[in-house]
N, C-alpha and C. Protein backbone atom coordinates (compact mmCIF):
# COMPACT_ATOMS: atom_id res chain seq x y z
N ASN A 1 0.84 -1.18 0.00
CA ASN A 1 0.00 0.00 0.00
C ASN A 1 0.89 1.25 0.00
N VAL A 2 0.66 2.14 -0.98
CA VAL A 2 1.50 3.32 -1.14
C VAL A 2 1.38 4.28 0.03
N SER A 3 0.21 4.38 0.62
CA SER A 3 0.02 5.33 1.71
C SER A 3 0.85 4.96 2.94
N ASN A 4 1.28 3.70 3.05
CA ASN A 4 2.09 3.28 4.18
C ASN A 4 3.58 3.38 3.91
N ASN A 5 3.97 3.81 2.73
CA ASN A 5 5.39 3.89 2.37
C ASN A 5 6.02 5.08 3.10
N THR A 6 6.88 4.78 4.05
CA THR A 6 7.51 5.85 4.85
C THR A 6 8.71 6.45 4.13
N ASN A 7 9.13 5.88 3.00
CA ASN A 7 10.28 6.41 2.27
C ASN A 7 9.91 7.57 1.36
N VAL A 8 8.64 7.81 1.16
CA VAL A 8 8.21 8.91 0.30
C VAL A 8 8.21 10.19 1.13
N PRO A 9 9.05 11.17 0.75
CA PRO A 9 9.09 12.40 1.53
C PRO A 9 7.81 13.20 1.39
N LYS A 10 7.43 13.82 2.46
CA LYS A 10 6.26 14.70 2.43
C LYS A 10 6.68 16.05 1.86
N LEU A 11 5.75 16.68 1.20
CA LEU A 11 6.04 17.95 0.55
C LEU A 11 6.65 18.96 1.51
N SER A 12 6.20 18.97 2.74
CA SER A 12 6.67 19.96 3.70
C SER A 12 8.14 19.76 4.11
N VAL A 13 8.67 18.55 3.88
CA VAL A 13 10.07 18.32 4.26
C VAL A 13 11.01 18.33 3.06
N LEU A 14 10.48 18.51 1.85
CA LEU A 14 11.35 18.59 0.69
C LEU A 14 12.14 19.89 0.75
N PRO A 15 13.40 19.84 0.35
CA PRO A 15 14.19 21.07 0.40
C PRO A 15 13.63 22.11 -0.56
N GLN A 16 13.59 23.34 -0.11
CA GLN A 16 13.14 24.44 -0.95
C GLN A 16 14.35 25.00 -1.69
N LYS A 17 14.13 25.41 -2.93
CA LYS A 17 15.23 26.00 -3.70
C LYS A 17 15.63 27.31 -3.03
N GLU A 18 16.89 27.39 -2.69
CA GLU A 18 17.39 28.60 -2.05
C GLU A 18 17.82 29.60 -3.10
N VAL A 19 17.49 30.84 -2.89
CA VAL A 19 17.96 31.89 -3.77
C VAL A 19 19.33 32.30 -3.24
N LYS A 20 20.36 31.95 -3.98
CA LYS A 20 21.72 32.18 -3.51
C LYS A 20 22.22 33.57 -3.88
N GLU A 21 21.66 34.12 -4.93
CA GLU A 21 22.13 35.43 -5.37
C GLU A 21 21.06 36.47 -5.13
N THR A 22 21.50 37.65 -4.82
CA THR A 22 20.61 38.79 -4.75
C THR A 22 21.17 39.85 -5.68
N ILE A 23 20.32 40.72 -6.11
CA ILE A 23 20.73 41.75 -7.05
C ILE A 23 20.90 43.08 -6.31
N ASP A 24 22.04 43.70 -6.54
CA ASP A 24 22.25 45.07 -6.08
C ASP A 24 21.75 45.96 -7.21
N PHE A 25 20.53 46.48 -7.06
CA PHE A 25 19.90 47.21 -8.15
C PHE A 25 20.63 48.49 -8.50
N GLU A 26 21.32 49.07 -7.55
CA GLU A 26 22.11 50.27 -7.85
C GLU A 26 23.26 49.91 -8.79
N LYS A 27 23.93 48.79 -8.53
CA LYS A 27 25.03 48.35 -9.40
C LYS A 27 24.51 47.95 -10.77
N LEU A 28 23.36 47.29 -10.81
CA LEU A 28 22.78 46.89 -12.09
C LEU A 28 22.38 48.12 -12.89
N LYS A 29 21.83 49.12 -12.23
CA LYS A 29 21.46 50.37 -12.90
C LYS A 29 22.70 51.04 -13.48
N GLU A 30 23.77 51.08 -12.71
CA GLU A 30 25.01 51.71 -13.18
C GLU A 30 25.61 50.93 -14.35
N PHE A 31 25.56 49.59 -14.28
CA PHE A 31 26.04 48.76 -15.38
C PHE A 31 25.23 49.04 -16.65
N PHE A 32 23.90 49.06 -16.51
CA PHE A 32 23.02 49.32 -17.64
C PHE A 32 23.33 50.69 -18.26
N MET A 33 23.53 51.70 -17.42
CA MET A 33 23.84 53.05 -17.92
C MET A 33 25.19 53.06 -18.64
N LYS A 34 26.16 52.32 -18.11
CA LYS A 34 27.49 52.26 -18.73
C LYS A 34 27.40 51.59 -20.11
N VAL A 35 26.66 50.50 -20.20
CA VAL A 35 26.54 49.77 -21.47
C VAL A 35 25.76 50.58 -22.49
N THR A 36 24.64 51.16 -22.07
CA THR A 36 23.72 51.80 -23.02
C THR A 36 23.96 53.29 -23.22
N GLY A 37 24.64 53.93 -22.27
CA GLY A 37 24.81 55.38 -22.34
C GLY A 37 23.57 56.14 -21.92
N LYS A 38 22.57 55.44 -21.41
CA LYS A 38 21.33 56.07 -20.98
C LYS A 38 21.46 56.55 -19.53
N LYS A 39 20.71 57.56 -19.19
CA LYS A 39 20.68 58.07 -17.83
C LYS A 39 19.38 57.62 -17.17
N ILE A 40 19.49 57.00 -16.02
CA ILE A 40 18.33 56.51 -15.29
C ILE A 40 18.42 57.03 -13.86
N LYS A 41 17.35 57.62 -13.40
CA LYS A 41 17.33 58.12 -12.02
C LYS A 41 16.77 57.08 -11.05
N VAL A 42 15.74 56.37 -11.49
CA VAL A 42 15.06 55.43 -10.61
C VAL A 42 14.97 54.07 -11.31
N PHE A 43 15.27 53.03 -10.56
CA PHE A 43 15.13 51.66 -11.07
C PHE A 43 13.65 51.29 -10.93
N PRO A 44 12.96 51.00 -12.04
CA PRO A 44 11.51 50.73 -11.95
C PRO A 44 11.19 49.51 -11.08
N ASP A 45 10.18 49.65 -10.24
CA ASP A 45 9.77 48.56 -9.35
C ASP A 45 9.39 47.30 -10.14
N LYS A 46 8.71 47.49 -11.26
CA LYS A 46 8.32 46.35 -12.09
C LYS A 46 9.55 45.58 -12.57
N ALA A 47 10.59 46.30 -12.98
CA ALA A 47 11.82 45.66 -13.44
C ALA A 47 12.52 44.95 -12.28
N LYS A 48 12.50 45.53 -11.08
CA LYS A 48 13.10 44.87 -9.92
C LYS A 48 12.45 43.51 -9.68
N LYS A 49 11.13 43.49 -9.71
CA LYS A 49 10.39 42.25 -9.50
C LYS A 49 10.75 41.22 -10.59
N GLN A 50 10.81 41.69 -11.83
CA GLN A 50 11.11 40.78 -12.94
C GLN A 50 12.54 40.25 -12.87
N PHE A 51 13.50 41.09 -12.49
CA PHE A 51 14.88 40.62 -12.34
C PHE A 51 14.98 39.63 -11.19
N ASN A 52 14.29 39.88 -10.10
CA ASN A 52 14.29 38.93 -8.98
C ASN A 52 13.71 37.58 -9.42
N ASN A 53 12.68 37.61 -10.26
CA ASN A 53 12.11 36.37 -10.78
C ASN A 53 13.10 35.63 -11.67
N LEU A 54 13.91 36.37 -12.42
CA LEU A 54 14.94 35.73 -13.25
C LEU A 54 15.99 35.02 -12.38
N ILE A 55 16.36 35.67 -11.28
CA ILE A 55 17.32 35.05 -10.33
C ILE A 55 16.70 33.79 -9.73
N LYS A 56 15.43 33.88 -9.32
CA LYS A 56 14.75 32.71 -8.76
C LYS A 56 14.64 31.58 -9.77
N ALA A 57 14.56 31.93 -11.05
CA ALA A 57 14.47 30.93 -12.11
C ALA A 57 15.82 30.27 -12.38
N GLY A 58 16.89 30.82 -11.78
CA GLY A 58 18.20 30.19 -11.90
C GLY A 58 19.22 30.94 -12.73
N TYR A 59 18.86 32.10 -13.27
CA TYR A 59 19.83 32.90 -14.01
C TYR A 59 20.79 33.56 -13.03
N THR A 60 22.02 33.76 -13.46
CA THR A 60 23.03 34.41 -12.61
C THR A 60 23.14 35.88 -12.96
N LYS A 61 23.81 36.62 -12.09
CA LYS A 61 24.04 38.04 -12.36
C LYS A 61 24.89 38.21 -13.61
N GLU A 62 25.84 37.31 -13.82
CA GLU A 62 26.69 37.37 -15.00
C GLU A 62 25.86 37.16 -16.27
N GLU A 63 24.90 36.24 -16.21
CA GLU A 63 24.03 36.00 -17.36
C GLU A 63 23.13 37.21 -17.64
N ILE A 64 22.69 37.86 -16.59
CA ILE A 64 21.89 39.07 -16.76
C ILE A 64 22.74 40.15 -17.43
N SER A 65 23.96 40.32 -16.97
CA SER A 65 24.86 41.32 -17.57
C SER A 65 25.10 41.03 -19.05
N GLN A 66 25.38 39.77 -19.37
CA GLN A 66 25.65 39.41 -20.76
C GLN A 66 24.41 39.60 -21.63
N THR A 67 23.25 39.34 -21.08
CA THR A 67 22.01 39.51 -21.84
C THR A 67 21.76 40.98 -22.15
N ILE A 68 22.08 41.86 -21.23
CA ILE A 68 21.96 43.30 -21.50
C ILE A 68 22.89 43.69 -22.64
N ILE A 69 24.11 43.18 -22.61
CA ILE A 69 25.08 43.47 -23.68
C ILE A 69 24.57 42.90 -25.01
N ASN A 70 24.06 41.66 -24.98
CA ASN A 70 23.54 41.05 -26.21
C ASN A 70 22.42 41.90 -26.80
N CYS A 71 21.53 42.36 -25.97
CA CYS A 71 20.40 43.18 -26.42
C CYS A 71 20.92 44.49 -27.01
N PHE A 72 21.85 45.13 -26.32
CA PHE A 72 22.41 46.39 -26.80
C PHE A 72 23.06 46.21 -28.17
N ASN A 73 23.74 45.09 -28.37
CA ASN A 73 24.47 44.85 -29.62
C ASN A 73 23.62 44.32 -30.76
N SER A 74 22.36 44.04 -30.51
CA SER A 74 21.50 43.50 -31.58
C SER A 74 21.30 44.55 -32.68
N GLN A 75 21.21 44.07 -33.89
CA GLN A 75 21.03 44.97 -35.03
C GLN A 75 19.75 45.79 -34.89
N HIS A 76 18.69 45.15 -34.43
CA HIS A 76 17.42 45.87 -34.26
C HIS A 76 17.56 47.06 -33.33
N HIS A 77 18.20 46.86 -32.19
CA HIS A 77 18.33 47.97 -31.23
C HIS A 77 19.33 49.01 -31.72
N ARG A 78 20.35 48.59 -32.47
CA ARG A 78 21.26 49.58 -33.06
C ARG A 78 20.51 50.43 -34.08
N ASP A 79 19.68 49.77 -34.90
CA ASP A 79 18.93 50.49 -35.94
C ASP A 79 17.92 51.47 -35.36
N THR A 80 17.38 51.17 -34.18
CA THR A 80 16.37 52.05 -33.56
C THR A 80 16.97 53.00 -32.54
N GLY A 81 18.28 53.07 -32.49
CA GLY A 81 18.94 53.98 -31.55
C GLY A 81 18.73 53.59 -30.10
N HIS A 82 18.45 52.31 -29.85
CA HIS A 82 18.27 51.76 -28.51
C HIS A 82 17.12 52.42 -27.74
N LYS A 83 16.18 53.03 -28.46
CA LYS A 83 15.11 53.76 -27.77
C LYS A 83 14.19 52.86 -26.96
N ASN A 84 14.03 51.60 -27.35
CA ASN A 84 13.16 50.69 -26.60
C ASN A 84 13.91 49.83 -25.60
N LEU A 85 15.21 49.98 -25.54
CA LEU A 85 16.01 49.19 -24.60
C LEU A 85 15.96 49.85 -23.23
N THR A 86 15.15 49.26 -22.36
CA THR A 86 14.99 49.76 -20.99
C THR A 86 15.19 48.59 -20.03
N LEU A 87 15.36 48.91 -18.76
CA LEU A 87 15.47 47.85 -17.75
C LEU A 87 14.20 47.02 -17.70
N GLU A 88 13.06 47.65 -17.84
CA GLU A 88 11.79 46.92 -17.82
C GLU A 88 11.69 45.99 -19.04
N PHE A 89 12.11 46.47 -20.21
CA PHE A 89 12.05 45.67 -21.43
C PHE A 89 12.92 44.41 -21.31
N ILE A 90 14.17 44.58 -20.93
CA ILE A 90 15.10 43.45 -20.91
C ILE A 90 14.78 42.48 -19.77
N SER A 91 14.05 42.94 -18.75
CA SER A 91 13.72 42.05 -17.63
C SER A 91 12.46 41.22 -17.89
N ARG A 92 11.75 41.49 -18.98
CA ARG A 92 10.58 40.67 -19.34
C ARG A 92 11.07 39.27 -19.68
N GLU A 93 10.39 38.28 -19.15
CA GLU A 93 10.84 36.89 -19.31
C GLU A 93 11.05 36.50 -20.78
N ASP A 94 10.11 36.84 -21.65
CA ASP A 94 10.24 36.46 -23.05
C ASP A 94 11.37 37.20 -23.74
N ARG A 95 11.54 38.47 -23.46
CA ARG A 95 12.62 39.26 -24.07
C ARG A 95 13.96 38.83 -23.51
N PHE A 96 14.01 38.57 -22.21
CA PHE A 96 15.26 38.12 -21.61
C PHE A 96 15.70 36.81 -22.23
N ALA A 97 14.77 35.87 -22.36
CA ALA A 97 15.11 34.56 -22.93
C ALA A 97 15.61 34.71 -24.36
N PHE A 98 15.00 35.60 -25.14
CA PHE A 98 15.43 35.81 -26.52
C PHE A 98 16.86 36.34 -26.57
N TYR A 99 17.14 37.39 -25.81
CA TYR A 99 18.48 38.00 -25.86
C TYR A 99 19.52 37.20 -25.08
N TYR A 100 19.09 36.37 -24.16
CA TYR A 100 20.01 35.46 -23.47
C TYR A 100 20.64 34.51 -24.48
N GLU A 101 19.85 34.02 -25.42
CA GLU A 101 20.32 33.08 -26.45
C GLU A 101 20.77 33.79 -27.72
N PHE A 102 20.70 35.11 -27.74
CA PHE A 102 20.92 35.89 -28.96
C PHE A 102 22.35 35.81 -29.46
N LYS A 103 22.45 35.51 -30.73
CA LYS A 103 23.73 35.59 -31.44
C LYS A 103 23.42 36.32 -32.74
N GLU A 104 24.14 37.39 -33.01
CA GLU A 104 23.91 38.15 -34.24
C GLU A 104 24.18 37.26 -35.43
N LYS A 105 23.20 37.18 -36.33
CA LYS A 105 23.36 36.37 -37.53
C LYS A 105 24.31 37.08 -38.49
N LYS A 106 25.27 36.31 -38.99
CA LYS A 106 26.21 36.89 -39.94
C LYS A 106 25.57 36.90 -41.32
N GLN A 107 25.87 37.94 -42.06
CA GLN A 107 25.35 38.00 -43.42
C GLN A 107 26.02 36.92 -44.25
N ILE A 108 25.23 36.32 -45.10
CA ILE A 108 25.76 35.27 -45.97
C ILE A 108 26.42 35.93 -47.17
N THR A 109 27.67 35.59 -47.39
CA THR A 109 28.38 36.13 -48.54
C THR A 109 28.32 35.09 -49.65
N LYS A 110 28.65 35.52 -50.86
CA LYS A 110 28.64 34.58 -51.99
C LYS A 110 29.62 33.45 -51.75
N GLN A 111 30.75 33.74 -51.12
CA GLN A 111 31.73 32.70 -50.84
C GLN A 111 31.15 31.67 -49.86
N ASN A 112 30.44 32.11 -48.84
CA ASN A 112 29.83 31.20 -47.87
C ASN A 112 28.72 30.37 -48.51
N GLU A 113 28.02 30.97 -49.50
CA GLU A 113 26.94 30.24 -50.15
C GLU A 113 27.47 29.02 -50.89
N ARG A 114 28.70 29.06 -51.36
CA ARG A 114 29.28 27.94 -52.12
C ARG A 114 29.64 26.76 -51.23
N LEU A 115 29.76 26.98 -49.95
CA LEU A 115 30.18 25.91 -49.04
C LEU A 115 29.15 24.88 -48.83
């Protein structure tokens, strides 16, 4: 009988995932301003919550930094003068996931087409 199996841990005793990293939002704001050249006075509360959720999901501070750089370097954001690149934008789960995996596609040259 499964209900008598004492080897099955109860939900209340299962280890909870510990959040090992915390974000220093002032440092993240300064990093973002250094990368983008934008001036920010206040770190948006919505972005703070979204960045904390990214940390809880298992992303590291280094991955967040690299994703900001990836987003900044994307052709789309270069073409639009980075006007839509904000802390709130990059902290959105779908946008973060896109730019986390982002690699700028190289233009295909005639020489590459022959390969």
